[in-house]
């Protein structure tokens, strides 16, 4: 017979993990929305060229605050294996790096801060993609995964592939399309690609937090 205290402890741990996942997901989904709406209210231009460009607007404190909040939740998310712990901490460190090192105003990063921002942002998104494609899709036990688990894995992989595609498209735009088709800059493609990547990241964590398609 299982110890009641042990059962309660495991149940509380599960609830804590679910809460952390939900909070990480909500912040990921809301970050582009909050920055866009807030800048429409407090800034002259609603849309910036990228999510990072909001660092140089009146939304800087909000931008930094949300990233630090995501980092705190990631630091407290231990997961079930050492891989989860290492990945969540690395993502948290990367998020803090994005917040602390401001991006350059326009174009390729040239300053130390701009280069570090670029490195941290890339590391952040790549680690979150690792969560979607590798960690979240793992199946506990030796039996066949349930239909719900298979569905959730499809969502995780879709979110991961969307993030990869967005990162690739950002590189293609920055290296080639921005020069080949200068008029595209008016559509702020980097901002929208980063937003889609953040939304995919957020959705994957919301699913993992059992807001939809809960665990069996």
Protein backbone atom coordinates (compact mmCIF):
# COMPACT_ATOMS: atom_id res chain seq x y z
CA UNK A 1 0.00 0.00 0.00
CA UNK A 2 1.42 3.38 -1.03
CA UNK A 3 2.24 5.97 1.58
CA UNK A 4 -0.43 8.70 1.54
CA UNK A 5 2.18 11.39 2.10
CA UNK A 6 4.15 10.11 -0.89
CA UNK A 7 1.04 10.19 -3.07
CA UNK A 8 0.24 13.76 -1.98
CA UNK A 9 3.82 14.83 -2.65
CA UNK A 10 3.78 13.35 -6.15
CA UNK A 11 0.39 14.92 -6.83
CA UNK A 12 1.63 18.35 -5.71
CA UNK A 13 4.74 17.93 -7.86
CA UNK A 14 2.59 17.12 -10.88
CA UNK A 15 0.38 20.15 -10.27
CA UNK A 16 3.46 22.37 -9.92
CA UNK A 17 4.88 21.11 -13.22
CA UNK A 18 1.56 21.64 -14.98
CA UNK A 19 1.33 25.18 -13.61
CA UNK A 20 4.86 26.01 -14.73
CA UNK A 21 4.16 24.65 -18.21
CA UNK A 22 0.98 26.70 -18.47
CA UNK A 23 2.69 29.90 -17.34
CA UNK A 24 5.59 29.40 -19.77
CA UNK A 25 3.10 28.76 -22.58
CA UNK A 26 0.94 31.78 -21.76
CA UNK A 27 3.93 34.13 -21.63
CA UNK A 28 5.25 32.78 -24.93
CA UNK A 29 1.91 33.32 -26.68
CA UNK A 30 1.27 36.74 -25.15
CA UNK A 31 4.73 38.30 -25.62
CA UNK A 32 4.25 39.47 -29.26
CA UNK A 33 0.66 40.53 -28.57
CA UNK A 34 1.55 42.59 -25.49
CA UNK A 35 4.48 44.27 -27.23
CA UNK A 36 2.45 45.10 -30.33
CA UNK A 37 -0.58 46.49 -28.48
CA UNK A 38 1.54 48.27 -25.88
CA UNK A 39 3.65 49.96 -28.53
CA UNK A 40 0.50 51.10 -30.35
CA UNK A 41 -0.47 52.89 -27.14
CA UNK A 42 2.89 54.20 -25.95
CA UNK A 43 5.04 54.40 -29.10
CA UNK A 44 4.82 56.18 -32.44
CA UNK A 45 5.08 52.99 -34.50
CA UNK A 46 3.17 49.85 -33.44
CA UNK A 47 5.15 47.33 -35.43
CA UNK A 48 8.88 47.11 -35.05
CA UNK A 49 11.19 45.26 -37.44
CA UNK A 50 11.54 42.39 -34.95
CA UNK A 51 10.47 41.30 -31.47
CA UNK A 52 13.91 42.29 -30.20
CA UNK A 53 13.53 45.80 -31.60
CA UNK A 54 10.96 46.54 -28.89
CA UNK A 55 13.94 46.70 -26.55
CA UNK A 56 14.67 50.11 -28.05
CA UNK A 57 11.13 51.43 -27.51
CA UNK A 58 9.00 52.44 -24.56
CA UNK A 59 8.13 48.74 -24.16
CA UNK A 60 11.66 47.86 -23.04
CA UNK A 61 10.71 47.19 -19.42
CA UNK A 62 7.80 44.97 -20.46
CA UNK A 63 10.00 43.10 -22.93
CA UNK A 64 12.71 42.51 -20.32
CA UNK A 65 10.18 41.69 -17.58
CA UNK A 66 8.41 38.99 -19.61
CA UNK A 67 11.69 37.39 -20.65
CA UNK A 68 12.89 37.33 -17.04
CA UNK A 69 9.55 35.79 -16.02
CA UNK A 70 9.92 33.07 -18.66
CA UNK A 71 13.47 32.47 -17.42
CA UNK A 72 12.32 32.13 -13.79
CA UNK A 73 9.68 29.58 -14.73
CA UNK A 74 12.21 27.67 -16.84
CA UNK A 75 14.71 27.61 -13.96
CA UNK A 76 12.05 26.17 -11.68
CA UNK A 77 10.97 23.55 -14.22
CA UNK A 78 13.03 20.46 -13.39
CA UNK A 79 11.20 17.93 -15.54
CA UNK A 80 11.56 14.21 -14.97
CA UNK A 81 15.11 13.59 -16.20
CA UNK A 82 18.43 15.41 -16.20
CA UNK A 83 17.91 16.27 -19.88
CA UNK A 84 14.82 18.31 -18.98
CA UNK A 85 16.69 20.08 -16.17
CA UNK A 86 19.68 20.94 -18.35
CA UNK A 87 17.57 22.10 -21.30
CA UNK A 88 15.22 24.24 -19.19
CA UNK A 89 18.13 25.91 -17.41
CA UNK A 90 19.95 26.56 -20.67
CA UNK A 91 16.78 28.06 -22.15
CA UNK A 92 16.42 30.21 -19.03
CA UNK A 93 20.00 31.47 -19.30
CA UNK A 94 19.44 32.23 -22.99
CA UNK A 95 16.23 34.14 -22.20
CA UNK A 96 18.09 36.28 -19.66
CA UNK A 97 20.80 36.90 -22.24
CA UNK A 98 18.19 38.11 -24.72
CA UNK A 99 16.81 40.46 -22.07
CA UNK A 100 20.16 41.83 -20.87
CA UNK A 101 21.89 42.31 -24.21
CA UNK A 102 19.98 44.81 -26.29
CA UNK A 103 19.81 44.39 -30.03
CA UNK A 104 21.34 46.86 -32.46
CA UNK A 105 18.88 49.31 -33.99
CA UNK A 106 18.93 47.95 -37.55
CA UNK A 107 20.79 45.53 -39.80
CA UNK A 108 23.35 42.95 -38.82
CA UNK A 109 24.57 42.95 -35.21
CA UNK A 110 27.87 44.79 -34.96
CA UNK A 111 28.22 45.76 -31.29
CA UNK A 112 29.12 43.27 -28.55
CA UNK A 113 25.63 43.61 -27.11
CA UNK A 114 24.01 43.04 -30.50
CA UNK A 115 26.09 39.94 -31.23
CA UNK A 116 25.37 38.47 -27.77
CA UNK A 117 21.67 39.20 -28.22
CA UNK A 118 21.67 37.35 -31.54
CA UNK A 119 23.53 34.36 -30.06
CA UNK A 120 21.24 34.16 -27.02
CA UNK A 121 18.07 34.49 -29.12
CA UNK A 122 19.21 31.72 -31.46
CA UNK A 123 20.14 29.51 -28.49
CA UNK A 124 16.77 30.20 -26.85
CA UNK A 125 14.72 29.21 -29.90
CA UNK A 126 16.87 26.16 -30.67
CA UNK A 127 16.54 24.87 -27.10
CA UNK A 128 12.77 25.34 -27.18
CA UNK A 129 12.69 23.48 -30.49
CA UNK A 130 14.59 20.65 -28.77
CA UNK A 131 11.84 20.53 -26.15
CA UNK A 132 9.16 20.22 -28.84
CA UNK A 133 10.83 17.65 -31.06
CA UNK A 134 12.71 15.51 -28.53
CA UNK A 135 11.73 15.92 -24.88
CA UNK A 136 7.98 16.43 -25.15
CA UNK A 137 7.54 13.51 -27.56
CA UNK A 138 9.10 10.94 -25.22
CA UNK A 139 6.78 8.18 -24.01
CA UNK A 140 6.93 6.86 -20.47
CA UNK A 141 6.85 3.10 -19.93
CA UNK A 142 7.31 0.32 -22.44
CA UNK A 143 3.75 0.04 -23.73
CA UNK A 144 2.26 1.50 -26.86
CA UNK A 145 1.44 5.23 -26.63
CA UNK A 146 -2.24 6.08 -26.37
CA UNK A 147 -4.13 7.80 -29.17
CA UNK A 148 -4.11 11.02 -27.11
CA UNK A 149 -0.33 10.81 -26.66
CA UNK A 150 0.09 10.25 -30.41
CA UNK A 151 -2.06 13.34 -31.06
CA UNK A 152 -0.07 15.42 -28.60
CA UNK A 153 3.20 14.28 -30.20
CA UNK A 154 1.93 15.43 -33.58
CA UNK A 155 1.19 18.85 -32.08
CA UNK A 156 4.64 19.03 -30.45
CA UNK A 157 6.37 18.08 -33.68
CA UNK A 158 4.28 20.53 -35.70
CA UNK A 159 5.20 23.32 -33.28
CA UNK A 160 8.86 22.31 -33.44
CA UNK A 161 8.90 22.26 -37.23
CA UNK A 162 7.16 25.66 -37.35
CA UNK A 163 9.90 27.07 -35.12
CA UNK A 164 12.62 25.58 -37.32
CA UNK A 165 10.94 26.91 -40.46
CA UNK A 166 10.61 30.38 -38.95
CA UNK A 167 14.29 30.44 -37.98
CA UNK A 168 15.32 29.31 -41.47
CA UNK A 169 13.09 31.93 -43.09
CA UNK A 170 14.52 34.65 -40.85
CA UNK A 171 18.04 33.69 -41.99
CA UNK A 172 16.97 33.60 -45.66
CA UNK A 173 15.30 37.00 -45.35
CA UNK A 174 18.23 38.57 -43.49
CA UNK A 175 20.91 37.22 -45.84
CA UNK A 176 19.14 37.44 -49.20
CA UNK A 177 15.51 38.58 -49.44
CA UNK A 178 15.99 41.84 -47.55
CA UNK A 179 18.43 42.93 -50.27
CA UNK A 180 16.70 41.28 -53.22
CA UNK A 181 13.26 42.67 -52.33
CA UNK A 182 13.75 45.81 -50.19
CA UNK A 183 10.01 46.51 -50.14
CA UNK A 184 9.41 43.46 -47.94
CA UNK A 185 10.71 45.38 -44.94
CA UNK A 186 7.43 47.31 -44.82
CA UNK A 187 5.69 44.06 -43.88
CA UNK A 188 8.10 43.48 -40.96
CA UNK A 189 8.61 39.80 -41.88
CA UNK A 190 11.11 39.13 -39.07
CA UNK A 191 8.61 40.35 -36.48
CA UNK A 192 5.90 38.02 -37.79
CA UNK A 193 8.22 35.05 -38.18
CA UNK A 194 9.46 35.51 -34.61
CA UNK A 195 5.85 35.86 -33.46
CA UNK A 196 4.83 32.60 -35.15
CA UNK A 197 7.82 30.88 -33.56
CA UNK A 198 6.81 32.20 -30.13
CA UNK A 199 3.20 31.17 -30.66
CA UNK A 200 4.31 27.67 -31.64
CA UNK A 201 6.53 27.51 -28.57
CA UNK A 202 3.67 28.72 -26.37
CA UNK A 203 1.13 26.28 -27.79
CA UNK A 204 3.46 23.32 -27.22
CA UNK A 205 3.88 24.24 -23.55
CA UNK A 206 0.15 24.83 -23.12
CA UNK A 207 -0.53 21.35 -24.50
CA UNK A 208 2.14 19.96 -22.20
CA UNK A 209 0.43 21.81 -19.34
CA UNK A 210 -2.79 19.94 -20.18
CA UNK A 211 -4.88 22.97 -21.01
CA UNK A 212 -5.95 20.88 -23.99
CA UNK A 213 -5.41 17.18 -24.76
CA UNK A 214 -4.55 16.27 -21.18
CA UNK A 215 -2.34 13.37 -20.21
CA UNK A 216 -3.93 9.97 -19.65
